[in-house]
Amino acid sequence: MNSFWWDFLIALKYGVTKAGAKKMNNGKAFNLFLLDGEVTGRIKCTLPSWSGLAYKIPRTYLDACKDRAHLK
């Protein structure tokens, strides 16, 4: 996993940025589902209180997304 994702996860967990200057008021729980079973592959992110979805898809996996109807 690249440093962006680690910084993102740390900021969500502890409520601080890398510099430690900004603090979040409320923590958020979210679910990361590894679609390919590996952190370098496709990732689906959901928030329990939100109806939307977020996907992290590397360019090398774009052809693999053809098997998912909701990503076409």
N, C-alpha and C. Protein backbone atom coordinates (compact mmCIF):
# COMPACT_ATOMS: atom_id res chain seq x y z
N MET A 1 0.85 -1.16 0.00
CA MET A 1 0.00 0.00 0.00
C MET A 1 0.90 1.23 0.00
N ASN A 2 0.58 2.21 -0.83
CA ASN A 2 1.44 3.38 -0.90
C ASN A 2 1.20 4.32 0.28
N SER A 3 2.06 5.31 0.42
CA SER A 3 2.02 6.17 1.61
C SER A 3 0.73 6.99 1.69
N PHE A 4 0.09 7.29 0.56
CA PHE A 4 -1.17 8.03 0.60
C PHE A 4 -2.21 7.28 1.41
N TRP A 5 -2.37 5.98 1.14
CA TRP A 5 -3.39 5.19 1.84
C TRP A 5 -3.06 5.04 3.31
N TRP A 6 -1.77 4.85 3.66
CA TRP A 6 -1.40 4.76 5.07
C TRP A 6 -1.70 6.07 5.78
N ASP A 7 -1.36 7.20 5.17
CA ASP A 7 -1.65 8.50 5.77
C ASP A 7 -3.15 8.71 5.92
N PHE A 8 -3.92 8.28 4.92
CA PHE A 8 -5.37 8.38 4.96
C PHE A 8 -5.95 7.57 6.12
N LEU A 9 -5.49 6.32 6.26
CA LEU A 9 -6.00 5.46 7.33
C LEU A 9 -5.59 5.98 8.71
N ILE A 10 -4.38 6.48 8.84
CA ILE A 10 -3.94 7.04 10.12
C ILE A 10 -4.76 8.27 10.48
N ALA A 11 -5.02 9.12 9.49
CA ALA A 11 -5.81 10.33 9.74
C ALA A 11 -7.22 9.96 10.18
N LEU A 12 -7.82 8.94 9.56
CA LEU A 12 -9.16 8.52 9.96
C LEU A 12 -9.16 7.89 11.34
N LYS A 13 -8.16 7.10 11.66
CA LYS A 13 -8.13 6.40 12.94
C LYS A 13 -7.85 7.34 14.10
N TYR A 14 -6.84 8.19 13.95
CA TYR A 14 -6.41 9.02 15.06
C TYR A 14 -6.88 10.46 14.98
N GLY A 15 -7.46 10.86 13.86
CA GLY A 15 -8.00 12.20 13.72
C GLY A 15 -6.94 13.28 13.55
N VAL A 16 -5.78 12.92 13.05
CA VAL A 16 -4.73 13.91 12.83
C VAL A 16 -4.15 13.72 11.44
N THR A 17 -3.60 14.79 10.92
CA THR A 17 -2.89 14.70 9.65
C THR A 17 -1.46 14.28 9.92
N LYS A 18 -0.70 14.10 8.87
CA LYS A 18 0.70 13.69 9.02
C LYS A 18 1.47 14.70 9.86
N ALA A 19 1.19 15.98 9.69
CA ALA A 19 1.87 17.01 10.47
C ALA A 19 1.29 17.13 11.88
N GLY A 20 0.12 16.56 12.10
CA GLY A 20 -0.50 16.62 13.42
C GLY A 20 -1.18 17.94 13.72
N ALA A 21 -1.41 18.77 12.70
CA ALA A 21 -1.95 20.10 12.93
C ALA A 21 -3.47 20.11 13.03
N LYS A 22 -4.14 19.25 12.30
CA LYS A 22 -5.60 19.30 12.24
C LYS A 22 -6.18 18.06 12.92
N LYS A 23 -7.15 18.26 13.79
CA LYS A 23 -7.78 17.14 14.47
C LYS A 23 -9.24 17.05 14.04
N MET A 24 -9.72 15.83 13.90
CA MET A 24 -11.11 15.61 13.55
C MET A 24 -11.95 15.57 14.82
N ASN A 25 -13.16 16.06 14.75
CA ASN A 25 -14.03 16.04 15.91
C ASN A 25 -14.66 14.67 16.14
N ASN A 26 -15.11 14.04 15.09
CA ASN A 26 -15.79 12.76 15.23
C ASN A 26 -15.09 11.71 14.39
N GLY A 27 -14.86 10.56 14.98
CA GLY A 27 -14.27 9.45 14.23
C GLY A 27 -15.30 8.80 13.33
N LYS A 28 -14.84 8.14 12.30
CA LYS A 28 -15.72 7.45 11.36
C LYS A 28 -15.27 6.00 11.24
N ALA A 29 -16.20 5.11 11.18
CA ALA A 29 -15.90 3.71 10.91
C ALA A 29 -16.20 3.45 9.44
N PHE A 30 -15.35 2.71 8.78
CA PHE A 30 -15.60 2.37 7.39
C PHE A 30 -15.09 0.96 7.14
N ASN A 31 -15.60 0.36 6.09
CA ASN A 31 -15.23 -1.00 5.74
C ASN A 31 -14.45 -1.00 4.43
N LEU A 32 -13.33 -1.69 4.42
CA LEU A 32 -12.55 -1.88 3.20
C LEU A 32 -12.64 -3.34 2.81
N PHE A 33 -13.14 -3.59 1.61
CA PHE A 33 -13.25 -4.95 1.10
C PHE A 33 -12.25 -5.11 -0.02
N LEU A 34 -11.32 -6.04 0.15
CA LEU A 34 -10.30 -6.30 -0.87
C LEU A 34 -10.90 -7.23 -1.93
N LEU A 35 -11.28 -6.68 -3.06
CA LEU A 35 -11.96 -7.45 -4.09
C LEU A 35 -11.11 -8.59 -4.65
N ASP A 36 -9.79 -8.39 -4.67
CA ASP A 36 -8.89 -9.40 -5.21
C ASP A 36 -8.13 -10.13 -4.09
N GLY A 37 -8.39 -9.78 -2.84
CA GLY A 37 -7.72 -10.42 -1.73
C GLY A 37 -6.32 -9.90 -1.46
N GLU A 38 -5.95 -8.77 -2.05
CA GLU A 38 -4.63 -8.19 -1.83
C GLU A 38 -4.75 -6.67 -1.78
N VAL A 39 -3.89 -6.04 -0.99
CA VAL A 39 -4.00 -4.59 -0.80
C VAL A 39 -3.58 -3.79 -2.03
N THR A 40 -2.85 -4.40 -2.93
CA THR A 40 -2.45 -3.69 -4.14
C THR A 40 -3.49 -3.81 -5.24
N GLY A 41 -4.55 -4.57 -5.01
CA GLY A 41 -5.60 -4.76 -6.00
C GLY A 41 -6.75 -3.78 -5.82
N ARG A 42 -7.91 -4.20 -6.27
CA ARG A 42 -9.10 -3.36 -6.19
C ARG A 42 -9.64 -3.36 -4.76
N ILE A 43 -10.11 -2.18 -4.30
CA ILE A 43 -10.64 -2.04 -2.95
C ILE A 43 -11.99 -1.33 -3.02
N LYS A 44 -12.96 -1.88 -2.32
CA LYS A 44 -14.29 -1.27 -2.21
C LYS A 44 -14.42 -0.71 -0.79
N CYS A 45 -14.83 0.54 -0.67
CA CYS A 45 -14.95 1.20 0.63
C CYS A 45 -16.40 1.60 0.86
N THR A 46 -16.91 1.26 2.04
CA THR A 46 -18.27 1.63 2.41
C THR A 46 -18.28 2.27 3.80
N LEU A 47 -19.21 3.18 3.99
CA LEU A 47 -19.46 3.76 5.31
C LEU A 47 -20.81 3.23 5.78
N PRO A 48 -20.91 2.75 7.02
CA PRO A 48 -22.17 2.17 7.49
C PRO A 48 -23.37 3.12 7.42
N SER A 49 -23.17 4.41 7.63
CA SER A 49 -24.29 5.36 7.63
C SER A 49 -24.43 6.12 6.31
N TRP A 50 -23.84 5.60 5.24
CA TRP A 50 -23.86 6.29 3.96
C TRP A 50 -24.24 5.28 2.88
N SER A 51 -25.05 5.67 1.93
CA SER A 51 -25.50 4.75 0.89
C SER A 51 -24.55 4.66 -0.29
N GLY A 52 -23.54 5.51 -0.36
CA GLY A 52 -22.60 5.52 -1.47
C GLY A 52 -21.49 4.49 -1.33
N LEU A 53 -20.76 4.31 -2.42
CA LEU A 53 -19.61 3.41 -2.46
C LEU A 53 -18.42 4.15 -3.02
N ALA A 54 -17.23 3.76 -2.59
CA ALA A 54 -16.00 4.30 -3.16
C ALA A 54 -15.12 3.12 -3.57
N TYR A 55 -14.49 3.24 -4.71
CA TYR A 55 -13.62 2.18 -5.21
C TYR A 55 -12.23 2.74 -5.46
N LYS A 56 -11.23 1.94 -5.13
CA LYS A 56 -9.85 2.23 -5.50
C LYS A 56 -9.46 1.15 -6.49
N ILE A 57 -9.24 1.56 -7.74
CA ILE A 57 -8.93 0.59 -8.80
C ILE A 57 -7.66 1.02 -9.51
N PRO A 58 -6.60 0.24 -9.39
CA PRO A 58 -5.38 0.55 -10.14
C PRO A 58 -5.62 0.42 -11.65
N ARG A 59 -4.89 1.17 -12.42
CA ARG A 59 -5.08 1.13 -13.88
C ARG A 59 -4.86 -0.25 -14.46
N THR A 60 -3.96 -1.02 -13.87
CA THR A 60 -3.68 -2.35 -14.39
C THR A 60 -4.84 -3.32 -14.17
N TYR A 61 -5.81 -2.95 -13.31
CA TYR A 61 -6.95 -3.82 -13.02
C TYR A 61 -8.23 -3.38 -13.72
N LEU A 62 -8.16 -2.38 -14.59
CA LEU A 62 -9.38 -1.89 -15.22
C LEU A 62 -10.08 -2.96 -16.05
N ASP A 63 -9.32 -3.81 -16.73
CA ASP A 63 -9.94 -4.89 -17.51
C ASP A 63 -10.63 -5.90 -16.60
N ALA A 64 -10.14 -6.08 -15.39
CA ALA A 64 -10.75 -7.02 -14.46
C ALA A 64 -12.10 -6.53 -13.94
N CYS A 65 -12.41 -5.25 -14.13
CA CYS A 65 -13.68 -4.70 -13.66
C CYS A 65 -14.85 -5.00 -14.57
N LYS A 66 -14.57 -5.59 -15.72
CA LYS A 66 -15.64 -5.93 -16.65
C LYS A 66 -16.57 -7.00 -16.09
N ASP A 67 -16.10 -7.76 -15.09
CA ASP A 67 -16.93 -8.81 -14.51
C ASP A 67 -17.93 -8.28 -13.49
N ARG A 68 -17.88 -7.01 -13.14
CA ARG A 68 -18.79 -6.40 -12.17
C ARG A 68 -19.78 -5.52 -12.90
N ALA A 69 -21.05 -5.86 -12.80
CA ALA A 69 -22.10 -5.14 -13.53
C ALA A 69 -22.21 -3.69 -13.10
N HIS A 70 -22.04 -3.39 -11.81
CA HIS A 70 -22.23 -2.03 -11.33
C HIS A 70 -21.02 -1.13 -11.61
N LEU A 71 -19.93 -1.66 -12.18
CA LEU A 71 -18.78 -0.84 -12.55
C LEU A 71 -18.67 -0.61 -14.06
N LYS A 72 -19.61 -1.09 -14.82
CA LYS A 72 -19.56 -0.94 -16.28
C LYS A 72 -19.97 0.45 -16.71
